[in-house]
């Protein structure tokens, strides 16, 4: 078997490297399409961004009197939302404690 000239050998190596890069890119694209969780998170993020933009557009395009009322409503809702978040954590802790207690009782009665 005869050896290839240097430039031909380099050209073949370059073609192989390019084919590898294209294959890696294709594999990454396929993996991204199959990652349902990542796609769902992306859609949720996009929807949240659209809602925020619509909210800000609606808020700034209203008359000043409505903007003042909107601001007062946001200020009034702020403590309620903070309390709801706190209650959510507390509820999760209570549910977790009840489940642990139920598991312990079940274990002891066996």
N, C-alpha and C. Protein backbone atom coordinates (compact mmCIF):
# COMPACT_ATOMS: atom_id res chain seq x y z
N UNK A 1 0.85 -1.18 0.00
CA UNK A 1 0.00 0.00 0.00
C UNK A 1 0.89 1.24 0.00
N UNK A 2 0.59 2.17 -0.90
CA UNK A 2 1.43 3.36 -0.97
C UNK A 2 0.89 4.44 -0.04
N UNK A 3 1.79 5.25 0.42
CA UNK A 3 1.43 6.31 1.34
C UNK A 3 0.89 7.50 0.56
N UNK A 4 -0.15 8.18 1.13
CA UNK A 4 -0.75 9.34 0.47
C UNK A 4 0.19 10.53 0.59
N UNK A 5 0.13 11.44 -0.40
CA UNK A 5 0.91 12.68 -0.28
C UNK A 5 0.44 13.46 0.95
N UNK A 6 1.31 14.27 1.47
CA UNK A 6 1.06 15.01 2.71
C UNK A 6 -0.19 15.89 2.64
N UNK A 7 -0.38 16.63 1.50
CA UNK A 7 -1.53 17.52 1.43
C UNK A 7 -2.83 16.73 1.32
N UNK A 8 -2.80 15.59 0.66
CA UNK A 8 -3.99 14.76 0.57
C UNK A 8 -4.34 14.20 1.94
N UNK A 9 -3.35 13.78 2.66
CA UNK A 9 -3.54 13.25 4.01
C UNK A 9 -4.12 14.32 4.93
N UNK A 10 -3.60 15.52 4.83
CA UNK A 10 -4.11 16.62 5.66
C UNK A 10 -5.55 16.96 5.28
N UNK A 11 -5.87 16.91 3.98
CA UNK A 11 -7.23 17.21 3.53
C UNK A 11 -8.20 16.17 4.07
N UNK A 12 -7.79 14.90 4.05
CA UNK A 12 -8.64 13.84 4.58
C UNK A 12 -8.86 14.02 6.08
N UNK A 13 -7.78 14.35 6.80
CA UNK A 13 -7.90 14.59 8.24
C UNK A 13 -8.85 15.76 8.52
N UNK A 14 -8.74 16.82 7.71
CA UNK A 14 -9.62 17.98 7.89
C UNK A 14 -11.07 17.59 7.63
N UNK A 15 -11.31 16.76 6.59
CA UNK A 15 -12.66 16.30 6.29
C UNK A 15 -13.22 15.48 7.45
N UNK A 16 -12.38 14.62 8.01
CA UNK A 16 -12.81 13.80 9.14
C UNK A 16 -13.17 14.67 10.34
N UNK A 17 -12.36 15.66 10.63
CA UNK A 17 -12.63 16.57 11.75
C UNK A 17 -13.93 17.34 11.52
N UNK A 18 -14.14 17.78 10.28
CA UNK A 18 -15.38 18.51 9.96
C UNK A 18 -16.58 17.59 10.13
N UNK A 19 -16.46 16.35 9.67
CA UNK A 19 -17.56 15.39 9.80
C UNK A 19 -17.85 15.11 11.27
N UNK A 20 -16.81 15.01 12.09
CA UNK A 20 -17.00 14.80 13.52
C UNK A 20 -17.73 15.97 14.16
N UNK A 21 -17.33 17.18 13.79
CA UNK A 21 -17.97 18.38 14.34
C UNK A 21 -19.45 18.43 13.95
N UNK A 22 -19.75 18.11 12.68
CA UNK A 22 -21.14 18.11 12.23
C UNK A 22 -21.94 17.03 12.95
N UNK A 23 -21.33 15.87 13.13
CA UNK A 23 -22.01 14.78 13.83
C UNK A 23 -22.29 15.16 15.29
N UNK A 24 -21.32 15.80 15.94
CA UNK A 24 -21.52 16.24 17.32
C UNK A 24 -22.64 17.27 17.40
N UNK A 25 -22.66 18.18 16.43
CA UNK A 25 -23.71 19.19 16.41
C UNK A 25 -25.09 18.55 16.22
N UNK A 26 -25.17 17.58 15.33
CA UNK A 26 -26.42 16.87 15.09
C UNK A 26 -26.86 16.10 16.33
N UNK A 27 -25.91 15.44 16.98
CA UNK A 27 -26.23 14.69 18.20
C UNK A 27 -26.73 15.63 19.29
N UNK A 28 -26.10 16.79 19.43
CA UNK A 28 -26.55 17.77 20.43
C UNK A 28 -27.96 18.26 20.12
N UNK A 29 -28.24 18.51 18.84
CA UNK A 29 -29.58 18.97 18.45
C UNK A 29 -30.63 17.91 18.76
N UNK A 30 -30.30 16.64 18.47
CA UNK A 30 -31.24 15.56 18.76
C UNK A 30 -31.46 15.41 20.26
N UNK A 31 -30.39 15.52 21.03
CA UNK A 31 -30.52 15.42 22.49
C UNK A 31 -31.40 16.55 23.02
N UNK A 32 -31.24 17.75 22.48
CA UNK A 32 -32.06 18.88 22.93
C UNK A 32 -33.53 18.65 22.60
N UNK A 33 -33.81 18.07 21.42
CA UNK A 33 -35.20 17.80 21.05
C UNK A 33 -35.82 16.74 21.95
N UNK A 34 -35.01 15.82 22.42
CA UNK A 34 -35.53 14.74 23.26
C UNK A 34 -35.63 15.11 24.73
N UNK A 35 -35.05 16.24 25.12
CA UNK A 35 -35.06 16.68 26.52
C UNK A 35 -36.37 17.43 26.79
N UNK A 36 -37.41 16.67 27.12
CA UNK A 36 -38.75 17.24 27.31
C UNK A 36 -38.78 18.21 28.48
N UNK A 37 -38.08 17.87 29.55
CA UNK A 37 -38.08 18.74 30.73
C UNK A 37 -37.49 20.11 30.39
N UNK A 38 -36.38 20.12 29.67
CA UNK A 38 -35.75 21.40 29.30
C UNK A 38 -36.67 22.19 28.37
N UNK A 39 -37.33 21.50 27.44
CA UNK A 39 -38.25 22.20 26.54
C UNK A 39 -39.41 22.81 27.32
N UNK A 40 -39.94 22.06 28.29
CA UNK A 40 -41.06 22.57 29.09
C UNK A 40 -40.62 23.78 29.91
N UNK A 41 -39.42 23.69 30.50
CA UNK A 41 -38.92 24.83 31.28
C UNK A 41 -38.73 26.06 30.40
N UNK A 42 -38.25 25.84 29.18
CA UNK A 42 -38.05 26.95 28.25
C UNK A 42 -39.39 27.59 27.91
N UNK A 43 -40.41 26.75 27.64
CA UNK A 43 -41.74 27.28 27.31
C UNK A 43 -42.33 28.05 28.49
N UNK A 44 -42.15 27.54 29.69
CA UNK A 44 -42.66 28.23 30.89
C UNK A 44 -41.97 29.58 31.04
N UNK A 45 -40.65 29.59 30.85
CA UNK A 45 -39.89 30.84 30.95
C UNK A 45 -40.36 31.84 29.90
N UNK A 46 -40.55 31.37 28.65
CA UNK A 46 -41.02 32.25 27.58
C UNK A 46 -42.41 32.80 27.89
N UNK A 47 -43.29 31.94 28.39
CA UNK A 47 -44.65 32.39 28.72
C UNK A 47 -44.62 33.42 29.84
N UNK A 48 -43.78 33.18 30.85
CA UNK A 48 -43.65 34.14 31.95
C UNK A 48 -43.14 35.48 31.46
N UNK A 49 -42.17 35.44 30.54
CA UNK A 49 -41.63 36.68 29.99
C UNK A 49 -42.71 37.43 29.21
N UNK A 50 -43.53 36.69 28.44
CA UNK A 50 -44.61 37.34 27.69
C UNK A 50 -45.63 37.98 28.63
N UNK A 51 -45.96 37.27 29.70
CA UNK A 51 -46.93 37.80 30.67
C UNK A 51 -46.36 39.06 31.32
N UNK A 52 -45.09 39.02 31.70
CA UNK A 52 -44.47 40.20 32.31
C UNK A 52 -44.46 41.39 31.36
N UNK A 53 -44.13 41.14 30.08
CA UNK A 53 -44.14 42.23 29.10
C UNK A 53 -45.54 42.80 28.93
N UNK A 54 -46.54 41.92 28.84
CA UNK A 54 -47.92 42.38 28.68
C UNK A 54 -48.36 43.17 29.90
N UNK A 55 -47.97 42.70 31.09
CA UNK A 55 -48.32 43.39 32.32
C UNK A 55 -47.71 44.79 32.33
N UNK A 56 -46.43 44.88 32.01
CA UNK A 56 -45.76 46.18 32.01
C UNK A 56 -46.34 47.11 30.95
N UNK A 57 -46.67 46.57 29.79
CA UNK A 57 -47.27 47.39 28.72
C UNK A 57 -48.63 47.91 29.17
N UNK A 58 -49.44 47.03 29.75
CA UNK A 58 -50.76 47.45 30.22
C UNK A 58 -50.63 48.48 31.33
N UNK A 59 -49.68 48.26 32.20
CA UNK A 59 -49.49 49.16 33.34
C UNK A 59 -49.07 50.56 32.90
N UNK A 60 -48.18 50.63 31.94
CA UNK A 60 -47.66 51.94 31.52
C UNK A 60 -48.56 52.64 30.51
N UNK A 61 -49.47 51.91 29.86
CA UNK A 61 -50.31 52.54 28.85
C UNK A 61 -51.65 53.01 29.40
N UNK A 62 -51.85 52.89 30.69
CA UNK A 62 -53.11 53.32 31.29
C UNK A 62 -53.01 54.78 31.73
N UNK A 63 -54.14 55.42 31.91
CA UNK A 63 -54.13 56.81 32.38
C UNK A 63 -53.50 56.90 33.79
N UNK A 64 -52.98 58.09 34.15
CA UNK A 64 -52.31 58.26 35.44
C UNK A 64 -53.17 57.86 36.64
N UNK A 65 -54.46 58.15 36.61
CA UNK A 65 -55.32 57.80 37.75
C UNK A 65 -55.38 56.28 37.91
N UNK A 66 -55.43 55.56 36.82
CA UNK A 66 -55.46 54.09 36.88
C UNK A 66 -54.12 53.58 37.37
N UNK A 67 -53.03 54.22 36.91
CA UNK A 67 -51.69 53.81 37.35
C UNK A 67 -51.55 53.97 38.86
N UNK A 68 -52.08 55.07 39.41
CA UNK A 68 -52.01 55.28 40.86
C UNK A 68 -52.81 54.20 41.60
N UNK A 69 -54.00 53.89 41.09
CA UNK A 69 -54.82 52.85 41.71
C UNK A 69 -54.11 51.50 41.62
N UNK A 70 -53.48 51.24 40.48
CA UNK A 70 -52.74 49.99 40.27
C UNK A 70 -51.60 49.88 41.28
N UNK A 71 -50.90 50.98 41.47
CA UNK A 71 -49.78 51.00 42.41
C UNK A 71 -50.27 50.73 43.83
N UNK A 72 -51.41 51.34 44.20
CA UNK A 72 -51.97 51.10 45.53
C UNK A 72 -52.38 49.64 45.69
N UNK A 73 -52.94 49.06 44.65
CA UNK A 73 -53.35 47.66 44.70
C UNK A 73 -52.13 46.75 44.86
N UNK A 74 -51.06 47.06 44.14
CA UNK A 74 -49.82 46.27 44.28
C UNK A 74 -49.27 46.37 45.70
N UNK A 75 -49.28 47.59 46.24
CA UNK A 75 -48.78 47.79 47.61
C UNK A 75 -49.63 47.02 48.62
N UNK A 76 -50.94 47.01 48.41
CA UNK A 76 -51.84 46.30 49.33
C UNK A 76 -51.67 44.79 49.19
N UNK A 77 -51.38 44.31 47.98
CA UNK A 77 -51.25 42.87 47.75
C UNK A 77 -49.92 42.32 48.22
N UNK A 78 -48.91 43.16 48.31
CA UNK A 78 -47.57 42.69 48.65
C UNK A 78 -47.51 41.90 49.95
N UNK A 79 -48.06 42.41 51.07
CA UNK A 79 -48.01 41.62 52.30
C UNK A 79 -48.81 40.33 52.21
N UNK A 80 -49.91 40.36 51.46
CA UNK A 80 -50.73 39.15 51.32
C UNK A 80 -49.94 38.08 50.58
N UNK A 81 -49.23 38.47 49.52
CA UNK A 81 -48.42 37.52 48.77
C UNK A 81 -47.27 36.97 49.61
N UNK A 82 -46.66 37.83 50.41
CA UNK A 82 -45.58 37.37 51.29
C UNK A 82 -46.11 36.37 52.30
N UNK A 83 -47.29 36.65 52.86
CA UNK A 83 -47.91 35.74 53.84
C UNK A 83 -48.26 34.41 53.18
N UNK A 84 -48.76 34.47 51.95
CA UNK A 84 -49.11 33.24 51.23
C UNK A 84 -47.87 32.39 51.00
N UNK A 85 -46.76 33.01 50.64
CA UNK A 85 -45.52 32.26 50.43
C UNK A 85 -45.05 31.63 51.74
N UNK A 86 -45.17 32.38 52.83
CA UNK A 86 -44.78 31.87 54.15
C UNK A 86 -45.68 30.70 54.55
N UNK A 87 -46.99 30.85 54.32
CA UNK A 87 -47.94 29.79 54.65
C UNK A 87 -47.68 28.54 53.82
N UNK A 88 -47.27 28.73 52.58
CA UNK A 88 -46.97 27.59 51.71
C UNK A 88 -45.82 26.77 52.28
N UNK A 89 -44.79 27.47 52.76
CA UNK A 89 -43.64 26.78 53.36
C UNK A 89 -44.07 26.05 54.63
N UNK A 90 -44.86 26.74 55.45
CA UNK A 90 -45.32 26.16 56.70
C UNK A 90 -46.18 24.92 56.43
N UNK A 91 -47.07 25.02 55.45
CA UNK A 91 -47.92 23.88 55.10
C UNK A 91 -47.08 22.70 54.63
N UNK A 92 -46.08 22.98 53.81
CA UNK A 92 -45.21 21.91 53.32
C UNK A 92 -44.48 21.23 54.48
N UNK A 93 -44.02 22.01 55.44
CA UNK A 93 -43.34 21.43 56.61
C UNK A 93 -44.29 20.57 57.44
N UNK A 94 -45.52 21.04 57.62
CA UNK A 94 -46.50 20.28 58.41
C UNK A 94 -46.84 18.98 57.70
N UNK A 95 -47.08 19.04 56.40
CA UNK A 95 -47.40 17.83 55.64
C UNK A 95 -46.23 16.84 55.72
N UNK A 96 -45.02 17.36 55.58
CA UNK A 96 -43.84 16.50 55.68
C UNK A 96 -43.73 15.84 57.04
N UNK A 97 -43.99 16.60 58.11
CA UNK A 97 -43.93 16.04 59.46
C UNK A 97 -45.00 14.97 59.66
N UNK A 98 -46.19 15.20 59.14
CA UNK A 98 -47.26 14.21 59.27
C UNK A 98 -46.89 12.93 58.52
N UNK A 99 -46.31 13.05 57.35
CA UNK A 99 -45.91 11.86 56.59
C UNK A 99 -44.83 11.08 57.33
N UNK A 100 -43.86 11.78 57.88
CA UNK A 100 -42.80 11.11 58.65
C UNK A 100 -43.41 10.41 59.86
N UNK A 101 -44.31 11.07 60.56
CA UNK A 101 -44.96 10.46 61.73
C UNK A 101 -45.74 9.22 61.31
N UNK A 102 -46.45 9.30 60.18
CA UNK A 102 -47.22 8.15 59.70
C UNK A 102 -46.29 6.98 59.36
N UNK A 103 -45.16 7.27 58.76
CA UNK A 103 -44.20 6.22 58.44
C UNK A 103 -43.63 5.58 59.70
N UNK A 104 -43.33 6.39 60.71
CA UNK A 104 -42.80 5.87 61.97
C UNK A 104 -43.84 4.98 62.65
N UNK A 105 -45.09 5.45 62.71
CA UNK A 105 -46.16 4.65 63.33
C UNK A 105 -46.33 3.35 62.56
N UNK A 106 -46.33 3.41 61.26
CA UNK A 106 -46.49 2.19 60.45
C UNK A 106 -45.35 1.22 60.71
N UNK A 107 -44.15 1.75 60.80
CA UNK A 107 -42.96 0.92 61.06
C UNK A 107 -43.05 0.24 62.43
N UNK A 108 -43.52 1.00 63.42
CA UNK A 108 -43.61 0.46 64.78
C UNK A 108 -44.71 -0.59 64.92
N UNK A 109 -45.77 -0.47 64.12
CA UNK A 109 -46.87 -1.42 64.25
C UNK A 109 -46.63 -2.71 63.47
N UNK A 110 -45.61 -2.77 62.70
CA UNK A 110 -45.31 -4.00 61.94
C UNK A 110 -44.55 -4.98 62.76
